[in-house]
Amino acid sequence: MTSNNIIITEQDHGRRLDIFLTAQWPHLSRSQIQKLIKKELILVNGKKTTVHRFLKKTDCITLSPEKTAKDDPETTSPRLAPPPIKTGNPDKIKIIAKEPDFWIIEKPAGLLVHPTEKNETDTLVDWLINKYPELKKIGENPARAGIVHRLDKEVSGLMIIPTTQTSFDYFKQQFKDHTITKKYQALVHGEIERPEQEINFPISRSNTKTGLFAAHPAQQEGKTNFIGKKALTYFKVLAKYKNYTLLEVEIFTGRTHQIRVHLLAYGHPIVGDKLYKTRKQKVTDLTDRIFLHATQLSFVGPNHQTYNFTSPLPKSLTATLAKLPGQSPA
């Protein structure tokens, strides 16, 4: 970690303090973290707290590494700050277009967009700042410099990188208003009969798996016990194979892991997804990565010009399609 403070984001709202910190610091056991909390070596919003506290958005977790090292030799500050974790190969990043106010890049699979509390290195942000130091001042958080939206680490494809603060603010509002068209291609398990479909399942944090999310097909907005946040995904079938279907997917909301969660709940999980899969789903040697690629970005830029950028499937994914038998018209 590079800081003794952790600010809780919406993604971790509602998580229990000791469980949250255990996920951040796998080098410490939950009992060790609970011990630090009870000794008031971990504070929330500057005050002592309890092990069972449920975190809220904007909560600030503060560590006292100097005091920790003095009071408990078994939990010294170096152990609270594990060595950086390498996450991918930034050299594979491609700049597709350079406009005065923004760039369009192609992120490879396996590359984390920005560091988390685990202090990862070799992220997209590290690459951007190393190549173009002026981007360090763009955005709202130096750890996420130039980042106005993200792709999951395992997912490849197109991203917008604002190069001025004005364009950052502009694109942030566009994403908030859902005026940017984002399309993906995904290969899913099973043969889908419908040529197109809208998935309108609310999404919430999973009650059974830490760090994951779940969709709720039976939920309806307006119910007093409505679970989750509204999430809308649309897909159309591009090609059918024996036991698999290739989809074009468009999202109209930006929930974490939305496409992966929705397609799992729809009964057709994405090939190669190690997090969102069914128990009966067979492990195949089709691909060593998730078959999900951001293929298209369309939007009106800060100069009021309309842009449309596309990205073909990476060679590794086209090779996967070549292995599939029985292609038939969509």
Protein backbone atom coordinates (compact mmCIF):
# COMPACT_ATOMS: atom_id res chain seq x y z
CA MET A 1 0.00 0.00 0.00
CA THR A 2 1.16 3.52 -0.64
CA SER A 3 -1.11 5.14 1.97
CA ASN A 4 -2.34 4.47 5.49
CA ASN A 5 -5.86 5.47 4.47
CA ILE A 6 -8.48 3.50 2.54
CA ILE A 7 -11.60 5.29 1.30
CA ILE A 8 -14.60 3.02 0.86
CA THR A 9 -16.28 3.25 -2.55
CA GLU A 10 -19.81 2.32 -3.57
CA GLN A 11 -18.53 -1.08 -4.68
CA ASP A 12 -17.63 -2.04 -1.08
CA HIS A 13 -20.56 -0.33 0.63
CA GLY A 14 -22.20 -2.76 3.07
CA ARG A 15 -19.23 -5.08 3.54
CA ARG A 16 -18.12 -6.04 7.05
CA LEU A 17 -14.87 -4.38 8.15
CA ASP A 18 -12.87 -7.49 9.08
CA ILE A 19 -13.98 -9.39 5.97
CA PHE A 20 -13.17 -6.41 3.73
CA LEU A 21 -9.66 -6.07 5.20
CA THR A 22 -9.02 -9.81 4.96
CA ALA A 23 -9.64 -9.58 1.22
CA GLN A 24 -7.28 -6.59 0.95
CA TRP A 25 -4.47 -8.22 2.92
CA PRO A 26 -4.35 -11.96 2.23
CA HIS A 27 -0.98 -12.08 4.05
CA LEU A 28 -2.89 -11.45 7.31
CA SER A 29 -5.45 -13.83 8.80
CA ARG A 30 -8.87 -12.58 9.83
CA SER A 31 -7.98 -13.21 13.48
CA GLN A 32 -4.90 -10.99 13.13
CA ILE A 33 -7.00 -8.21 11.57
CA GLN A 34 -9.62 -8.58 14.33
CA LYS A 35 -6.84 -8.27 16.89
CA LEU A 36 -5.65 -5.00 15.30
CA ILE A 37 -9.20 -3.63 15.29
CA LYS A 38 -9.72 -4.50 18.97
CA LYS A 39 -6.41 -2.84 19.87
CA GLU A 40 -7.63 0.33 18.10
CA LEU A 41 -4.81 0.10 15.57
CA ILE A 42 -7.38 0.27 12.77
CA LEU A 43 -9.82 3.18 12.96
CA VAL A 44 -12.83 4.16 10.87
CA ASN A 45 -13.36 7.89 10.34
CA GLY A 46 -10.73 8.52 13.01
CA LYS A 47 -12.63 6.64 15.73
CA LYS A 48 -12.33 3.21 17.29
CA THR A 49 -14.65 0.67 15.77
CA THR A 50 -15.81 -2.92 16.05
CA VAL A 51 -14.94 -6.04 14.13
CA HIS A 52 -18.53 -6.41 12.95
CA ARG A 53 -18.94 -2.86 11.60
CA PHE A 54 -20.62 -2.68 8.20
CA LEU A 55 -18.87 -0.17 5.99
CA LYS A 56 -20.51 2.78 4.27
CA LYS A 57 -19.53 4.65 1.15
CA THR A 58 -16.88 7.35 1.91
CA ASP A 59 -15.87 5.71 5.20
CA CYS A 60 -12.13 6.24 5.80
CA ILE A 61 -10.17 3.34 7.28
CA THR A 62 -6.98 4.55 8.96
CA LEU A 63 -4.01 2.37 9.85
CA SER A 64 -1.40 3.09 12.53
CA PRO A 65 1.61 1.09 11.32
CA GLU A 66 4.10 2.78 13.64
CA LYS A 67 1.99 2.01 16.70
CA THR A 68 1.31 -1.47 15.37
CA ALA A 69 5.00 -2.27 15.08
CA LYS A 70 5.65 -1.05 18.63
CA ASP A 71 2.70 -2.74 20.32
CA ASP A 72 2.59 -6.02 18.42
CA PRO A 73 5.80 -7.31 16.82
CA GLU A 74 3.82 -10.01 15.02
CA THR A 75 1.92 -7.43 12.95
CA THR A 76 4.59 -4.91 11.99
CA SER A 77 4.07 -2.21 9.39
CA PRO A 78 5.99 -4.01 6.61
CA ARG A 79 3.41 -6.80 6.78
CA LEU A 80 0.64 -4.23 6.45
CA ALA A 81 2.29 -3.07 3.26
CA PRO A 82 3.02 -6.17 1.18
CA PRO A 83 5.30 -5.88 -1.84
CA PRO A 84 3.69 -4.64 -5.05
CA ILE A 85 1.85 -7.22 -7.17
CA LYS A 86 2.49 -7.34 -10.89
CA THR A 87 -0.73 -7.71 -12.85
CA GLY A 88 -0.01 -7.90 -16.55
CA ASN A 89 2.03 -6.77 -19.53
CA PRO A 90 1.35 -3.08 -20.28
CA ASP A 91 3.54 -3.26 -23.40
CA LYS A 92 0.61 -4.91 -25.21
CA ILE A 93 -1.52 -1.75 -24.90
CA LYS A 94 -2.39 -0.21 -28.27
CA ILE A 95 -3.35 3.42 -28.88
CA ILE A 96 -6.05 3.26 -31.55
CA ALA A 97 -6.63 7.00 -31.95
CA LYS A 98 -5.22 10.25 -30.57
CA GLU A 99 -7.61 13.20 -30.55
CA PRO A 100 -6.86 16.60 -28.97
CA ASP A 101 -9.06 15.87 -25.94
CA PHE A 102 -8.90 12.09 -25.62
CA TRP A 103 -7.30 8.86 -26.76
CA ILE A 104 -8.83 5.52 -27.61
CA ILE A 105 -6.79 2.55 -26.42
CA GLU A 106 -7.07 -1.22 -26.66
CA LYS A 107 -6.54 -2.87 -23.28
CA PRO A 108 -5.22 -6.45 -23.32
CA ALA A 109 -6.72 -9.19 -21.17
CA GLY A 110 -4.94 -9.76 -17.85
CA LEU A 111 -4.15 -6.08 -17.26
CA LEU A 112 -5.63 -4.26 -14.26
CA VAL A 113 -6.87 -0.77 -15.09
CA HIS A 114 -5.78 0.92 -11.85
CA PRO A 115 -4.18 -0.15 -8.55
CA THR A 116 -6.37 -1.25 -5.65
CA GLU A 117 -5.50 -1.24 -1.97
CA LYS A 118 -3.27 -4.25 -2.71
CA ASN A 119 -0.75 -1.91 -4.34
CA GLU A 120 -0.56 -3.64 -7.72
CA THR A 121 1.96 -2.41 -10.29
CA ASP A 122 2.14 -2.64 -14.08
CA THR A 123 -1.43 -1.39 -14.33
CA LEU A 124 -2.86 0.67 -17.17
CA VAL A 125 -2.49 3.78 -15.00
CA ASP A 126 1.20 3.01 -14.38
CA TRP A 127 1.76 2.70 -18.12
CA LEU A 128 -0.08 5.93 -18.89
CA ILE A 129 1.82 7.97 -16.32
CA ASN A 130 5.16 6.45 -17.30
CA LYS A 131 4.64 7.21 -20.99
CA TYR A 132 2.77 10.49 -20.58
CA PRO A 133 3.47 12.10 -17.17
CA GLU A 134 1.11 15.00 -17.92
CA LEU A 135 -1.84 12.62 -17.49
CA LYS A 136 -1.04 12.33 -13.78
CA LYS A 137 -3.10 15.48 -13.16
CA ILE A 138 -6.15 14.28 -15.11
CA GLY A 139 -9.08 12.99 -13.08
CA GLU A 140 -10.11 12.99 -9.43
CA ASN A 141 -7.64 10.51 -7.95
CA PRO A 142 -3.90 10.22 -8.82
CA ALA A 143 -4.17 6.43 -8.45
CA ARG A 144 -6.76 6.48 -11.25
CA ALA A 145 -5.23 9.21 -13.39
CA GLY A 146 -6.95 9.53 -16.77
CA ILE A 147 -9.47 6.78 -15.97
CA VAL A 148 -13.12 7.68 -16.57
CA HIS A 149 -14.41 4.11 -17.01
CA ARG A 150 -12.93 0.64 -16.69
CA LEU A 151 -12.85 -2.90 -17.98
CA ASP A 152 -12.42 -5.94 -15.77
CA LYS A 153 -8.85 -7.19 -15.54
CA GLU A 154 -9.73 -10.34 -17.51
CA VAL A 155 -11.53 -8.42 -20.28
CA SER A 156 -9.90 -6.84 -23.33
CA GLY A 157 -10.99 -4.06 -25.66
CA LEU A 158 -11.62 -0.38 -26.18
CA MET A 159 -11.37 2.35 -23.55
CA ILE A 160 -11.55 6.16 -23.61
CA ILE A 161 -8.64 8.02 -21.97
CA PRO A 162 -9.37 11.75 -21.47
CA THR A 163 -6.25 13.92 -21.87
CA THR A 164 -7.58 17.13 -20.31
CA GLN A 165 -9.54 17.76 -17.14
CA THR A 166 -12.32 19.34 -19.19
CA SER A 167 -12.70 16.21 -21.32
CA PHE A 168 -12.52 14.02 -18.21
CA ASP A 169 -15.46 15.91 -16.71
CA TYR A 170 -17.28 15.76 -20.05
CA PHE A 171 -16.93 11.99 -20.45
CA LYS A 172 -17.71 11.36 -16.80
CA GLN A 173 -21.08 13.05 -17.34
CA GLN A 174 -21.65 11.12 -20.59
CA PHE A 175 -21.12 7.81 -18.81
CA LYS A 176 -23.39 8.96 -16.00
CA ASP A 177 -26.09 9.85 -18.54
CA HIS A 178 -25.55 6.57 -20.46
CA THR A 179 -25.11 8.41 -23.76
CA ILE A 180 -22.02 6.42 -24.81
CA THR A 181 -22.67 3.23 -26.78
CA LYS A 182 -20.58 0.30 -25.50
CA LYS A 183 -20.71 -3.03 -27.33
CA TYR A 184 -18.93 -6.29 -26.64
CA GLN A 185 -18.64 -9.75 -28.14
CA ALA A 186 -19.05 -12.74 -25.85
CA LEU A 187 -19.01 -16.47 -26.44
CA VAL A 188 -21.38 -18.21 -24.06
CA HIS A 189 -22.14 -21.78 -23.10
CA GLY A 190 -25.29 -23.26 -24.60
CA GLU A 191 -27.31 -22.62 -27.74
CA ILE A 192 -29.59 -19.56 -27.52
CA GLU A 193 -32.70 -19.82 -29.66
CA ARG A 194 -33.90 -16.21 -29.48
CA PRO A 195 -32.17 -13.95 -32.04
CA GLU A 196 -32.06 -11.11 -29.50
CA GLN A 197 -33.02 -10.48 -25.90
CA GLU A 198 -33.09 -7.80 -23.22
CA ILE A 199 -31.90 -8.81 -19.74
CA ASN A 200 -33.39 -6.58 -17.06
CA PHE A 201 -32.28 -8.21 -13.80
CA PRO A 202 -31.28 -6.00 -10.84
CA ILE A 203 -27.78 -6.65 -9.49
CA SER A 204 -26.52 -6.63 -5.90
CA ARG A 205 -23.48 -7.81 -4.03
CA SER A 206 -23.50 -11.58 -3.57
CA ASN A 207 -24.52 -12.87 -0.15
CA THR A 208 -22.57 -16.09 -0.63
CA LYS A 209 -19.31 -15.14 -2.37
CA THR A 210 -17.14 -12.27 -1.14
CA GLY A 211 -16.26 -9.75 -3.83
CA LEU A 212 -18.75 -11.11 -6.37
CA PHE A 213 -22.18 -9.93 -7.51
CA ALA A 214 -25.50 -11.60 -8.19
CA ALA A 215 -28.48 -10.88 -10.46
CA HIS A 216 -32.09 -11.32 -9.33
CA PRO A 217 -34.33 -12.39 -12.25
CA ALA A 218 -37.50 -12.56 -10.13
CA GLN A 219 -37.19 -9.06 -8.69
CA GLN A 220 -39.46 -6.25 -9.83
CA GLU A 221 -38.88 -2.58 -9.19
CA GLY A 222 -41.46 -1.13 -6.82
CA LYS A 223 -41.54 -4.10 -4.47
CA THR A 224 -40.95 -3.22 -0.84
CA ASN A 225 -38.29 -5.93 -0.64
CA PHE A 226 -36.69 -5.04 -3.99
CA ILE A 227 -33.11 -6.30 -4.07
CA GLY A 228 -30.27 -4.72 -6.02
CA LYS A 229 -29.72 -1.89 -8.47
CA LYS A 230 -31.34 -1.61 -11.87
CA ALA A 231 -29.21 -3.11 -14.63
CA LEU A 232 -30.05 -3.43 -18.32
CA THR A 233 -28.22 -5.54 -20.91
CA TYR A 234 -29.20 -6.27 -24.51
CA PHE A 235 -27.76 -8.98 -26.74
CA LYS A 236 -28.23 -10.32 -30.25
CA VAL A 237 -26.94 -13.61 -31.63
CA LEU A 238 -24.07 -13.32 -34.12
CA ALA A 239 -23.38 -17.03 -34.68
CA LYS A 240 -24.46 -20.40 -33.33
CA TYR A 241 -22.23 -23.38 -32.69
CA LYS A 242 -22.79 -26.80 -31.19
CA ASN A 243 -23.16 -26.08 -27.45
CA TYR A 244 -22.04 -22.44 -27.79
CA THR A 245 -23.39 -19.08 -29.02
CA LEU A 246 -21.51 -15.94 -30.06
CA LEU A 247 -23.24 -12.74 -28.94
CA GLU A 248 -22.99 -9.02 -29.49
CA VAL A 249 -23.76 -7.42 -26.14
CA GLU A 250 -24.68 -3.82 -25.34
CA ILE A 251 -24.98 -2.45 -21.82
CA PHE A 252 -27.16 0.50 -20.85
CA THR A 253 -26.03 0.64 -17.22
CA GLY A 254 -22.54 0.29 -15.80
CA ARG A 255 -22.80 -2.16 -12.91
CA THR A 256 -19.69 -4.03 -11.82
CA HIS A 257 -19.34 -7.34 -13.75
CA GLN A 258 -22.74 -6.61 -15.31
CA ILE A 259 -22.41 -8.66 -18.51
CA ARG A 260 -20.88 -11.62 -16.69
CA VAL A 261 -23.52 -11.58 -13.93
CA HIS A 262 -26.44 -11.14 -16.32
CA LEU A 263 -25.43 -13.90 -18.71
CA LEU A 264 -24.86 -16.31 -15.82
CA ALA A 265 -28.33 -15.50 -14.43
CA TYR A 266 -29.78 -15.90 -17.94
CA GLY A 267 -28.40 -19.43 -17.97
CA HIS A 268 -25.58 -18.91 -20.48
CA PRO A 269 -22.32 -18.04 -18.67
CA ILE A 270 -19.38 -16.72 -20.66
CA VAL A 271 -16.75 -19.19 -21.84
CA GLY A 272 -13.56 -18.93 -19.79
CA ASP A 273 -15.14 -17.00 -16.92
CA LYS A 274 -13.64 -18.47 -13.76
CA LEU A 275 -15.75 -16.36 -11.39
CA TYR A 276 -19.25 -16.50 -12.81
CA LYS A 277 -20.04 -20.06 -13.84
CA THR A 278 -22.46 -22.83 -12.95
CA ARG A 279 -21.50 -25.91 -10.97
CA LYS A 280 -22.39 -28.12 -13.92
CA GLN A 281 -20.36 -26.05 -16.35
CA LYS A 282 -17.60 -28.22 -17.82
CA VAL A 283 -14.03 -27.00 -17.85
CA THR A 284 -12.82 -26.83 -21.44
CA ASP A 285 -9.50 -26.12 -23.09
CA LEU A 286 -11.07 -23.70 -25.55
CA THR A 287 -9.41 -20.62 -24.05
CA ASP A 288 -7.28 -19.64 -21.09
CA ARG A 289 -9.09 -16.29 -20.71
CA ILE A 290 -12.65 -15.03 -20.56
CA PHE A 291 -14.22 -14.69 -24.01
CA LEU A 292 -15.35 -11.09 -23.60
CA HIS A 293 -13.99 -8.22 -25.70
CA ALA A 294 -15.10 -4.57 -25.88
CA THR A 295 -15.53 -4.17 -29.64
CA GLN A 296 -17.20 -0.78 -30.11
CA LEU A 297 -17.39 2.71 -28.59
CA SER A 298 -19.66 5.36 -30.12
CA PHE A 299 -20.21 8.84 -28.71
CA VAL A 300 -20.34 12.56 -29.35
CA GLY A 301 -17.01 14.09 -28.34
CA PRO A 302 -16.32 17.36 -26.50
CA ASN A 303 -16.04 19.08 -29.91
CA HIS A 304 -19.60 17.91 -30.78
CA GLN A 305 -18.25 15.54 -33.44
CA THR A 306 -19.62 11.99 -33.61
CA TYR A 307 -17.07 9.20 -33.18
CA ASN A 308 -17.30 5.46 -33.73
CA PHE A 309 -14.39 3.17 -32.88
CA THR A 310 -14.25 -0.58 -33.38
CA SER A 311 -11.84 -3.30 -32.33
CA PRO A 312 -11.70 -6.80 -33.86
CA LEU A 313 -11.49 -9.88 -31.68
CA PRO A 314 -7.92 -10.67 -30.54
CA LYS A 315 -6.21 -13.57 -32.29
CA SER A 316 -6.56 -15.75 -29.19
CA LEU A 317 -10.35 -15.42 -29.36
CA THR A 318 -10.63 -15.92 -33.10
CA ALA A 319 -8.53 -19.07 -32.61
CA THR A 320 -11.09 -20.20 -30.02
CA LEU A 321 -13.93 -19.79 -32.53
CA ALA A 322 -11.96 -21.82 -35.07
CA LYS A 323 -12.02 -24.78 -32.66
CA LEU A 324 -15.82 -24.85 -32.45
CA PRO A 325 -17.75 -27.35 -34.55
CA GLY A 326 -21.13 -26.90 -36.18
CA GLN A 327 -21.45 -23.19 -36.93
CA SER A 328 -24.90 -22.28 -38.22
CA PRO A 329 -26.52 -18.97 -39.29
CA ALA A 330 -27.71 -16.68 -36.50
